[in-house]
PDB file of N, CA and C in Angstrom:
ATOM      1  N   MET A   1       0.788  -1.261  -0.092  1.00  0.00           N
ATOM      2  CA  MET A   1      -0.220  -0.048  -0.161  1.00  0.00           C
ATOM      3  C   MET A   1       0.943   1.057  -0.247  1.00  0.00           C
ATOM      4  N   ASN A   2       0.846   1.930  -1.123  1.00  0.00           N
ATOM      5  CA  ASN A   2       1.871   3.579  -0.802  1.00  0.00           C
ATOM      6  C   ASN A   2       0.883   4.399  -0.528  1.00  0.00           C
ATOM      7  N   LEU A   3       1.477   5.548  -0.321  1.00  0.00           N
ATOM      8  CA  LEU A   3       0.882   6.957   0.556  1.00  0.00           C
ATOM      9  C   LEU A   3      -0.356   7.052   0.491  1.00  0.00           C
ATOM     10  N   ASP A   4      -0.649   7.472  -1.169  1.00  0.00           N
ATOM     11  CA  ASP A   4      -2.107   7.743  -1.410  1.00  0.00           C
ATOM     12  C   ASP A   4      -3.085   6.631  -1.487  1.00  0.00           C
ATOM     13  N   ASP A   5      -3.236   5.388  -1.054  1.00  0.00           N
ATOM     14  CA  ASP A   5      -3.544   4.259  -0.682  1.00  0.00           C
ATOM     15  C   ASP A   5      -3.977   4.651   0.597  1.00  0.00           C
ATOM     16  N   SER A   6      -3.300   4.841   1.701  1.00  0.00           N
ATOM     17  CA  SER A   6      -3.717   5.082   2.800  1.00  0.00           C
ATOM     18  C   SER A   6      -4.438   6.452   3.396  1.00  0.00           C
ATOM     19  N   VAL A   7      -4.138   6.909   2.611  1.00  0.00           N
ATOM     20  CA  VAL A   7      -5.223   8.578   2.676  1.00  0.00           C
ATOM     21  C   VAL A   7      -6.315   8.134   2.227  1.00  0.00           C
ATOM     22  N   VAL A   8      -6.755   7.635   1.239  1.00  0.00           N
ATOM     23  CA  VAL A   8      -7.587   7.351   0.431  1.00  0.00           C
ATOM     24  C   VAL A   8      -8.761   6.096   1.573  1.00  0.00           C
ATOM     25  N   ASP A   9      -7.940   5.399   2.321  1.00  0.00           N
ATOM     26  CA  ASP A   9      -8.787   4.684   3.132  1.00  0.00           C
ATOM     27  C   ASP A   9      -8.792   5.371   4.495  1.00  0.00           C
ATOM     28  N   GLU A  10      -7.756   5.925   4.890  1.00  0.00           N
ATOM     29  CA  GLU A  10      -8.461   6.819   6.194  1.00  0.00           C
ATOM     30  C   GLU A  10      -9.168   7.922   5.614  1.00  0.00           C
ATOM     31  N   SER A  11      -9.648   8.761   4.412  1.00  0.00           N
ATOM     32  CA  SER A  11     -10.649   9.231   4.198  1.00  0.00           C
ATOM     33  C   SER A  11     -11.744   8.453   4.384  1.00  0.00           C
ATOM     34  N   ARG A  12     -11.865   7.117   3.709  1.00  0.00           N
ATOM     35  CA  ARG A  12     -13.151   6.566   3.708  1.00  0.00           C
ATOM     36  C   ARG A  12     -13.578   6.007   4.984  1.00  0.00           C
ATOM     37  N   GLU A  13     -12.432   5.986   5.714  1.00  0.00           N
ATOM     38  CA  GLU A  13     -12.886   5.131   7.494  1.00  0.00           C
ATOM     39  C   GLU A  13     -13.481   6.513   7.742  1.00  0.00           C
ATOM     40  N   LEU A  14     -13.185   7.673   7.648  1.00  0.00           N
ATOM     41  CA  LEU A  14     -13.817   8.787   8.354  1.00  0.00           C
ATOM     42  C   LEU A  14     -15.325   9.087   7.861  1.00  0.00           C
ATOM     43  N   GLU A  15     -15.287   8.888   6.413  1.00  0.00           N
ATOM     44  CA  GLU A  15     -16.863   9.247   5.606  1.00  0.00           C
ATOM     45  C   GLU A  15     -17.718   8.233   6.657  1.00  0.00           C
ATOM     46  N   GLU A  16     -17.199   6.669   6.286  1.00  0.00           N
ATOM     47  CA  GLU A  16     -18.004   5.884   7.062  1.00  0.00           C
ATOM     48  C   GLU A  16     -18.862   6.259   8.370  1.00  0.00           C
ATOM     49  N   ARG A  17     -17.529   6.854   9.081  1.00  0.00           N
ATOM     50  CA  ARG A  17     -17.531   6.878  10.835  1.00  0.00           C
ATOM     51  C   ARG A  17     -18.606   8.074  10.923  1.00  0.00           C
ATOM     52  N   ILE A  18     -18.636   9.445   9.786  1.00  0.00           N
ATOM     53  CA  ILE A  18     -19.090  10.616   9.875  1.00  0.00           C
ATOM     54  C   ILE A  18     -20.762  10.212   9.685  1.00  0.00           C
ATOM     55  N   ILE A  19     -20.975   9.567   8.417  1.00  0.00           N
ATOM     56  CA  ILE A  19     -22.322   9.480   7.796  1.00  0.00           C
ATOM     57  C   ILE A  19     -23.051   8.566   9.109  1.00  0.00           C
ATOM     58  N   SER A  20     -22.497   7.540   9.620  1.00  0.00           N
ATOM     59  CA  SER A  20     -23.330   6.578  10.788  1.00  0.00           C
ATOM     60  C   SER A  20     -23.424   7.473  12.176  1.00  0.00           C
ATOM     61  N   CYS A  21     -22.825   8.656  12.337  1.00  0.00           N
ATOM     62  CA  CYS A  21     -23.106   9.259  13.541  1.00  0.00           C
ATOM     63  C   CYS A  21     -24.187  10.760  13.201  1.00  0.00           C
ATOM     64  N   LEU A  22     -24.350  11.125  12.082  1.00  0.00           N
ATOM     65  CA  LEU A  22     -25.314  11.948  12.079  1.00  0.00           C
ATOM     66  C   LEU A  22     -26.572  11.309  11.452  1.00  0.00           C
ATOM     67  N   PRO A  23     -27.569  11.917  12.218  1.00  0.00           N
ATOM     68  CA  PRO A  23     -29.296  11.413  12.142  1.00  0.00           C
ATOM     69  C   PRO A  23     -29.649  11.435  10.728  1.00  0.00           C
ATOM     70  N   ALA A  24     -30.079  10.071  10.146  1.00  0.00           N
ATOM     71  CA  ALA A  24     -30.794  10.405   8.876  1.00  0.00           C
ATOM     72  C   ALA A  24     -32.131  11.405   8.529  1.00  0.00           C
ATOM     73  N   ALA A  25     -32.367  11.547   7.208  1.00  0.00           N
ATOM     74  CA  ALA A  25     -33.539  12.634   7.002  1.00  0.00           C
ATOM     75  C   ALA A  25     -33.618  13.780   7.719  1.00  0.00           C
ATOM     76  N   THR A  26     -32.318  14.731   7.723  1.00  0.00           N
ATOM     77  CA  THR A  26     -32.233  15.700   8.324  1.00  0.00           C
ATOM     78  C   THR A  26     -31.715  16.849   7.851  1.00  0.00           C
ATOM     79  N   PHE A  27     -31.674  18.266   8.009  1.00  0.00           N
ATOM     80  CA  PHE A  27     -31.038  19.541   6.688  1.00  0.00           C
ATOM     81  C   PHE A  27     -29.760  18.914   6.795  1.00  0.00           C
ATOM     82  N   GLU A  28     -29.247  18.411   8.093  1.00  0.00           N
ATOM     83  CA  GLU A  28     -27.654  18.471   8.318  1.00  0.00           C
ATOM     84  C   GLU A  28     -27.252  17.323   7.374  1.00  0.00           C
ATOM     85  N   MET A  29     -27.793  16.118   7.196  1.00  0.00           N
ATOM     86  CA  MET A  29     -27.446  14.814   6.425  1.00  0.00           C
ATOM     87  C   MET A  29     -27.503  15.489   5.118  1.00  0.00           C
ATOM     88  N   GLU A  30     -28.481  16.170   4.751  1.00  0.00           N
ATOM     89  CA  GLU A  30     -28.694  16.782   3.327  1.00  0.00           C
ATOM     90  C   GLU A  30     -27.503  17.722   2.931  1.00  0.00           C
ATOM     91  N   THR A  31     -27.168  18.595   3.585  1.00  0.00           N
ATOM     92  CA  THR A  31     -25.921  18.947   3.436  1.00  0.00           C
ATOM     93  C   THR A  31     -24.612  18.649   3.637  1.00  0.00           C
ATOM     94  N   LEU A  32     -24.291  17.444   4.231  1.00  0.00           N
ATOM     95  CA  LEU A  32     -23.240  16.573   4.138  1.00  0.00           C
ATOM     96  C   LEU A  32     -23.454  15.833   2.474  1.00  0.00           C
ATOM     97  N   CYS A  33     -24.664  15.483   2.223  1.00  0.00           N
ATOM     98  CA  CYS A  33     -24.901  14.631   0.932  1.00  0.00           C
ATOM     99  C   CYS A  33     -24.442  15.714  -0.155  1.00  0.00           C
ATOM    100  N   ARG A  34     -24.478  17.340  -0.019  1.00  0.00           N
ATOM    101  CA  ARG A  34     -24.257  17.944  -0.843  1.00  0.00           C
ATOM    102  C   ARG A  34     -22.315  18.312  -0.910  1.00  0.00           C
ATOM    103  N   LEU A  35     -22.091  17.730  -0.321  1.00  0.00           N
ATOM    104  CA  LEU A  35     -20.452  18.223  -0.138  1.00  0.00           C
ATOM    105  C   LEU A  35     -19.772  17.568  -1.409  1.00  0.00           C
ATOM    106  N   ALA A  36     -18.938  18.106  -2.016  1.00  0.00           N
ATOM    107  CA  ALA A  36     -18.014  17.326  -2.835  1.00  0.00           C
ATOM    108  C   ALA A  36     -17.150  15.980  -2.310  1.00  0.00           C
ATOM    109  N   GLY A  37     -17.188  15.870  -1.213  1.00  0.00           N
ATOM    110  CA  GLY A  37     -16.520  15.124  -0.424  1.00  0.00           C
ATOM    111  C   GLY A  37     -15.945  15.368   1.149  1.00  0.00           C
ATOM    112  N   ILE A  38     -15.355  14.271   1.756  1.00  0.00           N
ATOM    113  CA  ILE A  38     -14.821  13.968   2.810  1.00  0.00           C
ATOM    114  C   ILE A  38     -13.157  14.002   2.864  1.00  0.00           C
ATOM    115  N   LYS A  39     -12.612  14.577   2.898  1.00  0.00           N
ATOM    116  CA  LYS A  39     -11.280  14.547   2.922  1.00  0.00           C
ATOM    117  C   LYS A  39     -10.259  14.349   4.370  1.00  0.00           C
ATOM    118  N   ALA A  40      -9.693  13.369   4.577  1.00  0.00           N
ATOM    119  CA  ALA A  40      -8.405  13.437   5.606  1.00  0.00           C
ATOM    120  C   ALA A  40      -7.280  14.192   5.199  1.00  0.00           C
ATOM    121  N   ASP A  41      -7.022  15.299   5.994  1.00  0.00           N
ATOM    122  CA  ASP A  41      -6.222  16.521   6.202  1.00  0.00           C
ATOM    123  C   ASP A  41      -5.396  16.709   7.505  1.00  0.00           C
ATOM    124  N   SER A  42      -4.305  15.912   7.390  1.00  0.00           N
ATOM    125  CA  SER A  42      -3.728  16.233   8.502  1.00  0.00           C
ATOM    126  C   SER A  42      -3.026  17.795   8.437  1.00  0.00           C
ATOM    127  N   GLU A  43      -3.206  18.447   7.421  1.00  0.00           N
ATOM    128  CA  GLU A  43      -2.478  20.003   6.988  1.00  0.00           C
ATOM    129  C   GLU A  43      -3.378  21.025   8.459  1.00  0.00           C
ATOM    130  N   ILE A  44      -4.357  20.185   8.633  1.00  0.00           N
ATOM    131  CA  ILE A  44      -5.611  21.365   9.239  1.00  0.00           C
ATOM    132  C   ILE A  44      -5.607  20.947  10.962  1.00  0.00           C
ATOM    133  N   SER A  45      -5.572  21.916  11.660  1.00  0.00           N
ATOM    134  CA  SER A  45      -5.736  21.514  13.110  1.00  0.00           C
ATOM    135  C   SER A  45      -6.742  20.564  13.487  1.00  0.00           C
ATOM    136  N   THR A  46      -8.241  20.642  13.204  1.00  0.00           N
ATOM    137  CA  THR A  46      -8.981  20.395  13.653  1.00  0.00           C
ATOM    138  C   THR A  46     -10.136  19.602  12.159  1.00  0.00           C
ATOM    139  N   ALA A  47     -11.182  20.351  11.739  1.00  0.00           N
ATOM    140  CA  ALA A  47     -11.917  20.182  10.849  1.00  0.00           C
ATOM    141  C   ALA A  47     -12.094  21.575  10.045  1.00  0.00           C
ATOM    142  N   ALA A  48     -12.300  21.493   8.800  1.00  0.00           N
ATOM    143  CA  ALA A  48     -12.983  22.783   8.271  1.00  0.00           C
ATOM    144  C   ALA A  48     -14.072  22.474   6.830  1.00  0.00           C
ATOM    145  N   VAL A  49     -14.438  23.285   6.642  1.00  0.00           N
ATOM    146  CA  VAL A  49     -14.848  23.158   5.326  1.00  0.00           C
ATOM    147  C   VAL A  49     -14.601  24.490   4.508  1.00  0.00           C
ATOM    148  N   GLU A  50     -13.831  24.145   3.218  1.00  0.00           N
ATOM    149  CA  GLU A  50     -13.779  24.877   2.017  1.00  0.00           C
ATOM    150  C   GLU A  50     -14.653  26.037   1.818  1.00  0.00           C
ATOM    151  N   CYS A  51     -14.221  27.297   1.523  1.00  0.00           N
ATOM    152  CA  CYS A  51     -14.941  28.617   1.145  1.00  0.00           C
ATOM    153  C   CYS A  51     -15.126  28.535  -0.327  1.00  0.00           C
ATOM    154  N   ILE A  52     -15.758  27.275  -0.870  1.00  0.00           N
ATOM    155  CA  ILE A  52     -15.880  27.291  -2.647  1.00  0.00           C
ATOM    156  C   ILE A  52     -16.958  26.774  -2.716  1.00  0.00           C
ATOM    157  N   HIS A  53     -17.936  27.014  -4.023  1.00  0.00           N
ATOM    158  CA  HIS A  53     -18.957  26.761  -4.441  1.00  0.00           C
ATOM    159  C   HIS A  53     -19.328  24.906  -3.694  1.00  0.00           C
ATOM    160  N   ARG A  54     -18.499  23.940  -4.096  1.00  0.00           N
ATOM    161  CA  ARG A  54     -19.222  22.999  -3.534  1.00  0.00           C
ATOM    162  C   ARG A  54     -17.961  22.102  -2.913  1.00  0.00           C
ATOM    163  N   PRO A  55     -17.961  22.605  -1.218  1.00  0.00           N
ATOM    164  CA  PRO A  55     -16.942  22.407  -0.307  1.00  0.00           C
ATOM    165  C   PRO A  55     -16.844  21.172  -0.163  1.00  0.00           C
ATOM    166  N   ARG A  56     -15.605  20.678   0.054  1.00  0.00           N
ATOM    167  CA  ARG A  56     -15.189  19.114   1.105  1.00  0.00           C
ATOM    168  C   ARG A  56     -15.441  19.546   2.443  1.00  0.00           C
ATOM    169  N   LEU A  57     -15.561  18.498   3.306  1.00  0.00           N
ATOM    170  CA  LEU A  57     -15.434  18.588   4.498  1.00  0.00           C
ATOM    171  C   LEU A  57     -13.990  18.116   5.171  1.00  0.00           C
ATOM    172  N   LEU A  58     -13.332  18.725   5.026  1.00  0.00           N
ATOM    173  CA  LEU A  58     -11.496  18.680   5.784  1.00  0.00           C
ATOM    174  C   LEU A  58     -11.677  18.192   7.100  1.00  0.00           C
ATOM    175  N   VAL A  59     -10.911  16.870   7.656  1.00  0.00           N
ATOM    176  CA  VAL A  59     -11.032  16.455   8.825  1.00  0.00           C
ATOM    177  C   VAL A  59     -10.000  15.876   9.357  1.00  0.00           C
ATOM    178  N   ASN A  60      -9.069  16.337   9.906  1.00  0.00           N
ATOM    179  CA  ASN A  60      -7.535  15.997  11.011  1.00  0.00           C
ATOM    180  C   ASN A  60      -7.919  14.709  11.739  1.00  0.00           C
ATOM    181  N   PRO A  61      -7.660  13.447  11.051  1.00  0.00           N
ATOM    182  CA  PRO A  61      -8.009  12.110  11.224  1.00  0.00           C
ATOM    183  C   PRO A  61      -7.104  11.694  12.609  1.00  0.00           C
ATOM    184  N   ASP A  62      -6.126  12.843  12.998  1.00  0.00           N
ATOM    185  CA  ASP A  62      -5.082  12.457  14.160  1.00  0.00           C
ATOM    186  C   ASP A  62      -5.968  13.206  15.531  1.00  0.00           C
ATOM    187  N   PHE A  63      -6.625  14.165  15.034  1.00  0.00           N
ATOM    188  CA  PHE A  63      -7.450  15.110  15.804  1.00  0.00           C
ATOM    189  C   PHE A  63      -8.695  14.405  16.574  1.00  0.00           C
ATOM    190  N   VAL A  64      -9.495  13.318  15.317  1.00  0.00           N
ATOM    191  CA  VAL A  64     -10.374  12.750  15.829  1.00  0.00           C
ATOM    192  C   VAL A  64      -9.874  11.640  16.578  1.00  0.00           C
ATOM    193  N   ARG A  65      -8.885  10.916  16.091  1.00  0.00           N
ATOM    194  CA  ARG A  65      -8.393   9.533  16.929  1.00  0.00           C
ATOM    195  C   ARG A  65      -8.020   9.782  18.517  1.00  0.00           C
ATOM    196  N   LYS A  66      -7.534  11.483  18.724  1.00  0.00           N
ATOM    197  CA  LYS A  66      -7.412  11.806  20.087  1.00  0.00           C
ATOM    198  C   LYS A  66      -8.387  12.376  20.877  1.00  0.00           C
ATOM    199  N   ARG A  67      -9.068  13.186  19.655  1.00  0.00           N
ATOM    200  CA  ARG A  67     -10.529  13.735  20.738  1.00  0.00           C
ATOM    201  C   ARG A  67     -11.629  13.410  20.271  1.00  0.00           C
ATOM    202  N   CYS A  68     -12.101  12.462  19.504  1.00  0.00           N
ATOM    203  CA  CYS A  68     -13.281  12.582  19.037  1.00  0.00           C
ATOM    204  C   CYS A  68     -13.626  10.731  19.068  1.00  0.00           C
ATOM    205  N   ARG A  69     -13.578  10.443  20.101  1.00  0.00           N
ATOM    206  CA  ARG A  69     -13.560   8.440  20.594  1.00  0.00           C
ATOM    207  C   ARG A  69     -14.793   8.077  20.374  1.00  0.00           C
ATOM    208  N   ALA A  70     -15.533   9.125  20.910  1.00  0.00           N
ATOM    209  CA  ALA A  70     -16.993   8.665  20.880  1.00  0.00           C
ATOM    210  C   ALA A  70     -17.594   9.280  19.677  1.00  0.00           C
ATOM    211  N   ASP A  71     -18.831   8.709  19.134  1.00  0.00           N
ATOM    212  CA  ASP A  71     -19.321   9.256  18.128  1.00  0.00           C
ATOM    213  C   ASP A  71     -19.970  10.774  18.449  1.00  0.00           C
ATOM    214  N   GLU A  72     -20.260  10.949  19.685  1.00  0.00           N
ATOM    215  CA  GLU A  72     -20.988  12.246  20.166  1.00  0.00           C
ATOM    216  C   GLU A  72     -20.222  13.171  19.952  1.00  0.00           C
ATOM    217  N   HIS A  73     -18.708  12.800  19.796  1.00  0.00           N
ATOM    218  CA  HIS A  73     -18.009  14.087  19.752  1.00  0.00           C
ATOM    219  C   HIS A  73     -17.771  14.429  18.375  1.00  0.00           C
ATOM    220  N   LEU A  74     -17.335  13.419  17.796  1.00  0.00           N
ATOM    221  CA  LEU A  74     -17.354  13.420  16.390  1.00  0.00           C
ATOM    222  C   LEU A  74     -18.449  13.962  15.532  1.00  0.00           C
ATOM    223  N   PHE A  75     -20.072  13.450  15.890  1.00  0.00           N
ATOM    224  CA  PHE A  75     -21.366  14.578  15.571  1.00  0.00           C
ATOM    225  C   PHE A  75     -20.917  16.012  16.147  1.00  0.00           C
ATOM    226  N   LEU A  76     -20.581  16.202  16.991  1.00  0.00           N
ATOM    227  CA  LEU A  76     -20.472  17.762  17.342  1.00  0.00           C
ATOM    228  C   LEU A  76     -19.557  18.360  16.200  1.00  0.00           C
ATOM    229  N   LEU A  77     -18.505  17.904  16.343  1.00  0.00           N
ATOM    230  CA  LEU A  77     -17.034  18.100  15.394  1.00  0.00           C
ATOM    231  C   LEU A  77     -17.970  18.647  14.174  1.00  0.00           C
ATOM    232  N   VAL A  78     -18.303  17.518  13.409  1.00  0.00           N
ATOM    233  CA  VAL A  78     -19.047  17.680  12.112  1.00  0.00           C
ATOM    234  C   VAL A  78     -20.388  18.578  11.849  1.00  0.00           C
ATOM    235  N   MET A  79     -21.399  18.546  12.903  1.00  0.00           N
ATOM    236  CA  MET A  79     -22.002  19.506  12.997  1.00  0.00           C
ATOM    237  C   MET A  79     -21.954  20.913  13.190  1.00  0.00           C
ATOM    238  N   HIS A  80     -20.968  20.993  13.730  1.00  0.00           N
ATOM    239  CA  HIS A  80     -20.232  22.572  13.706  1.00  0.00           C
ATOM    240  C   HIS A  80     -20.079  23.084  12.659  1.00  0.00           C
ATOM    241  N   GLU A  81     -19.002  22.252  11.755  1.00  0.00           N
ATOM    242  CA  GLU A  81     -18.419  22.736  10.051  1.00  0.00           C
ATOM    243  C   GLU A  81     -19.840  22.376   9.566  1.00  0.00           C
ATOM    244  N   LEU A  82     -20.737  21.809   9.267  1.00  0.00           N
ATOM    245  CA  LEU A  82     -21.988  21.706   8.489  1.00  0.00           C
ATOM    246  C   LEU A  82     -22.751  23.059   8.924  1.00  0.00           C
ATOM    247  N   TYR A  83     -23.028  23.662   9.921  1.00  0.00           N
ATOM    248  CA  TYR A  83     -23.505  24.783  10.141  1.00  0.00           C
ATOM    249  C   TYR A  83     -22.852  26.331   9.402  1.00  0.00           C
ATOM    250  N   HIS A  84     -21.419  25.998   9.460  1.00  0.00           N
ATOM    251  CA  HIS A  84     -20.544  26.850   8.525  1.00  0.00           C
ATOM    252  C   HIS A  84     -21.227  27.162   7.212  1.00  0.00           C
ATOM    253  N   ILE A  85     -21.846  25.954   6.591  1.00  0.00           N
ATOM    254  CA  ILE A  85     -22.246  25.771   5.097  1.00  0.00           C
ATOM    255  C   ILE A  85     -23.818  26.280   5.250  1.00  0.00           C
ATOM    256  N   ILE A  86     -24.515  25.659   6.184  1.00  0.00           N
ATOM    257  CA  ILE A  86     -26.036  25.950   6.258  1.00  0.00           C
ATOM    258  C   ILE A  86     -26.496  27.399   6.451  1.00  0.00           C
ATOM    259  N   LEU A  87     -25.392  28.392   7.375  1.00  0.00           N
ATOM    260  CA  LEU A  87     -25.747  29.935   7.658  1.00  0.00           C
ATOM    261  C   LEU A  87     -24.922  30.393   6.406  1.00  0.00           C
ATOM    262  N   ALA A  88     -24.533  29.948   5.400  1.00  0.00           N
ATOM    263  CA  ALA A  88     -23.704  30.178   4.454  1.00  0.00           C
ATOM    264  C   ALA A  88     -22.500  31.016   4.458  1.00  0.00           C
ATOM    265  N   HIS A  89     -21.744  30.571   5.563  1.00  0.00           N
ATOM    266  CA  HIS A  89     -20.329  31.295   5.693  1.00  0.00           C
ATOM    267  C   HIS A  89     -19.517  31.214   4.449  1.00  0.00           C
ATOM    268  N   THR A  90     -19.797  30.287   4.024  1.00  0.00           N
ATOM    269  CA  THR A  90     -18.893  29.563   3.286  1.00  0.00           C
ATOM    270  C   THR A  90     -18.959  30.158   1.517  1.00  0.00           C
ATOM    271  N   THR A  91     -20.235  30.314   1.501  1.00  0.00           N
ATOM    272  CA  THR A  91     -20.641  31.376   0.300  1.00  0.00           C
ATOM    273  C   THR A  91     -20.578  32.743   0.065  1.00  0.00           C
ATOM    274  N   LEU A  92     -21.053  33.511   1.499  1.00  0.00           N
ATOM    275  CA  LEU A  92     -21.123  34.945   1.170  1.00  0.00           C
ATOM    276  C   LEU A  92     -19.425  35.435   2.044  1.00  0.00           C
ATOM    277  N   TYR A  93     -18.737  34.861   2.513  1.00  0.00           N
ATOM    278  CA  TYR A  93     -17.463  35.213   2.484  1.00  0.00           C
ATOM    279  C   TYR A  93     -16.547  34.495   1.487  1.00  0.00           C
ATOM    280  N   PRO A  94     -15.710  35.020   0.765  1.00  0.00           N
ATOM    281  CA  PRO A  94     -14.654  34.356  -0.251  1.00  0.00           C
ATOM    282  C   PRO A  94     -13.520  33.609   0.899  1.00  0.00           C
ATOM    283  N   ARG A  95     -13.121  34.136   1.836  1.00  0.00           N
ATOM    284  CA  ARG A  95     -12.013  34.388   2.791  1.00  0.00           C
ATOM    285  C   ARG A  95     -12.274  34.905   4.106  1.00  0.00           C
ATOM    286  N   LEU A  96     -12.661  34.004   5.490  1.00  0.00           N
ATOM    287  CA  LEU A  96     -13.120  34.490   6.739  1.00  0.00           C
ATOM    288  C   LEU A  96     -12.117  35.204   7.231  1.00  0.00           C
ATOM    289  N   SER A  97     -11.686  36.121   7.927  1.00  0.00           N
ATOM    290  CA  SER A  97     -10.905  36.800   8.749  1.00  0.00           C
ATOM    291  C   SER A  97     -10.794  36.023  10.032  1.00  0.00           C
ATOM    292  N   VAL A  98      -9.654  35.996  10.697  1.00  0.00           N
ATOM    293  CA  VAL A  98      -9.674  35.417  11.837  1.00  0.00           C
ATOM    294  C   VAL A  98     -10.772  36.213  13.151  1.00  0.00           C
ATOM    295  N   ALA A  99     -11.257  37.417  12.941  1.00  0.00           N
ATOM    296  CA  ALA A  99     -12.354  37.722  14.022  1.00  0.00           C
ATOM    297  C   ALA A  99     -13.414  37.101  13.797  1.00  0.00           C
ATOM    298  N   GLN A 100     -13.969  36.921  12.235  1.00  0.00           N
ATOM    299  CA  GLN A 100     -15.077  36.984  11.805  1.00  0.00           C
ATOM    300  C   GLN A 100     -15.487  35.348  11.966  1.00  0.00           C
ATOM    301  N   ASN A 101     -13.871  34.440  11.734  1.00  0.00           N
ATOM    302  CA  ASN A 101     -14.422  32.940  12.135  1.00  0.00           C
ATOM    303  C   ASN A 101     -14.400  32.865  13.660  1.00  0.00           C
ATOM    304  N   ILE A 102     -13.921  33.406  14.276  1.00  0.00           N
ATOM    305  CA  ILE A 102     -14.204  33.486  16.040  1.00  0.00           C
ATOM    306  C   ILE A 102     -15.378  33.802  16.454  1.00  0.00           C
ATOM    307  N   ALA A 103     -16.032  35.035  15.723  1.00  0.00           N
ATOM    308  CA  ALA A 103     -17.601  35.164  15.742  1.00  0.00           C
ATOM    309  C   ALA A 103     -18.491  33.943  15.496  1.00  0.00           C
ATOM    310  N   PHE A 104     -18.636  33.501  13.769  1.00  0.00           N
ATOM    311  CA  PHE A 104     -18.979  32.513  13.746  1.00  0.00           C
ATOM    312  C   PHE A 104     -19.163  31.444  14.493  1.00  0.00           C
ATOM    313  N   ASP A 105     -17.890  30.787  15.031  1.00  0.00           N
ATOM    314  CA  ASP A 105     -17.608  29.975  15.681  1.00  0.00           C
ATOM    315  C   ASP A 105     -18.353  29.802  16.966  1.00  0.00           C
ATOM    316  N   ALA A 106     -18.420  31.210  17.674  1.00  0.00           N
ATOM    317  CA  ALA A 106     -19.050  31.213  18.838  1.00  0.00           C
ATOM    318  C   ALA A 106     -20.514  31.011  18.310  1.00  0.00           C
ATOM    319  N   ILE A 107     -21.405  31.587  17.306  1.00  0.00           N
ATOM    320  CA  ILE A 107     -22.536  31.698  17.376  1.00  0.00           C
ATOM    321  C   ILE A 107     -22.872  30.010  16.882  1.00  0.00           C
ATOM    322  N   ILE A 108     -22.336  29.410  16.151  1.00  0.00           N
ATOM    323  CA  ILE A 108     -22.664  28.149  15.886  1.00  0.00           C
ATOM    324  C   ILE A 108     -22.499  27.453  16.889  1.00  0.00           C
ATOM    325  N   ASN A 109     -21.047  27.624  17.947  1.00  0.00           N
ATOM    326  CA  ASN A 109     -21.084  26.719  19.403  1.00  0.00           C
ATOM    327  C   ASN A 109     -22.597  26.995  20.464  1.00  0.00           C
ATOM    328  N   ALA A 110     -22.429  28.214  20.637  1.00  0.00           N
ATOM    329  CA  ALA A 110     -23.879  28.513  21.225  1.00  0.00           C
ATOM    330  C   ALA A 110     -25.353  27.742  20.960  1.00  0.00           C
ATOM    331  N   GLY A 111     -25.346  27.585  19.512  1.00  0.00           N
ATOM    332  CA  GLY A 111     -26.711  26.927  18.991  1.00  0.00           C
ATOM    333  C   GLY A 111     -26.609  25.833  19.412  1.00  0.00           C
ATOM    334  N   LEU A 112     -24.924  25.209  18.609  1.00  0.00           N
ATOM    335  CA  LEU A 112     -25.328  23.918  19.248  1.00  0.00           C
ATOM    336  C   LEU A 112     -25.336  23.365  20.437  1.00  0.00           C
ATOM    337  N   SER A 113     -24.725  24.019  21.465  1.00  0.00           N
ATOM    338  CA  SER A 113     -24.946  23.918  22.954  1.00  0.00           C
ATOM    339  C   SER A 113     -26.106  24.138  23.653  1.00  0.00           C
ATOM    340  N   ARG A 114     -27.188  24.880  22.856  1.00  0.00           N
ATOM    341  CA  ARG A 114     -28.608  24.870  23.410  1.00  0.00           C
ATOM    342  C   ARG A 114     -29.199  23.665  22.372  1.00  0.00           C
ATOM    343  N   GLN A 115     -29.003  23.410  21.322  1.00  0.00           N
ATOM    344  CA  GLN A 115     -29.807  22.276  21.097  1.00  0.00           C
ATOM    345  C   GLN A 115     -29.604  20.959  21.410  1.00  0.00           C
ATOM    346  N   PHE A 116     -28.217  20.591  21.577  1.00  0.00           N
ATOM    347  CA  PHE A 116     -27.865  19.380  22.539  1.00  0.00           C
ATOM    348  C   PHE A 116     -26.792  19.887  23.796  1.00  0.00           C
ATOM    349  N   GLN A 117     -28.058  19.433  24.640  1.00  0.00           N
ATOM    350  CA  GLN A 117     -27.671  20.204  25.998  1.00  0.00           C
ATOM    351  C   GLN A 117     -27.285  18.639  26.923  1.00  0.00           C
ATOM    352  N   GLU A 118     -26.993  17.759  26.530  1.00  0.00           N
ATOM    353  CA  GLU A 118     -26.187  16.436  27.122  1.00  0.00           C
ATOM    354  C   GLU A 118     -24.878  16.589  27.349  1.00  0.00           C
ATOM    355  N   PRO A 119     -24.389  16.233  28.381  1.00  0.00           N
ATOM    356  CA  PRO A 119     -23.210  16.304  28.908  1.00  0.00           C
ATOM    357  C   PRO A 119     -21.749  15.598  27.640  1.00  0.00           C
ATOM    358  N   GLU A 120     -22.612  14.626  27.193  1.00  0.00           N
ATOM    359  CA  GLU A 120     -21.666  14.006  26.089  1.00  0.00           C
ATOM    360  C   GLU A 120     -21.258  15.490  25.340  1.00  0.00           C
TER     361      GLU A 120
END
């Protein structure tokens, strides 16, 4: 197996785990299905969505292994990134400033905290 094969396998494993932790028949799952794909990317610190017409979800597999052992943790990581798309952050702004990203992250995290109040 070469390096490209291991990256593809890692991306496929992440895809399967992400798809299995999101509830079916929700607008979040619909948003995930509209993505151009899910890519394992060790260059980013946690996760991100690209600011392009059909973005990909980029996920750091090392971060997921260390910090998202439970599906509930991965679920919230992915939901956070999907909400950047749902709230049009990826299309309204071609490149977010650090201040804009912090503000959008705070808004998304507040909404997710209100929606999912369990300790997980």
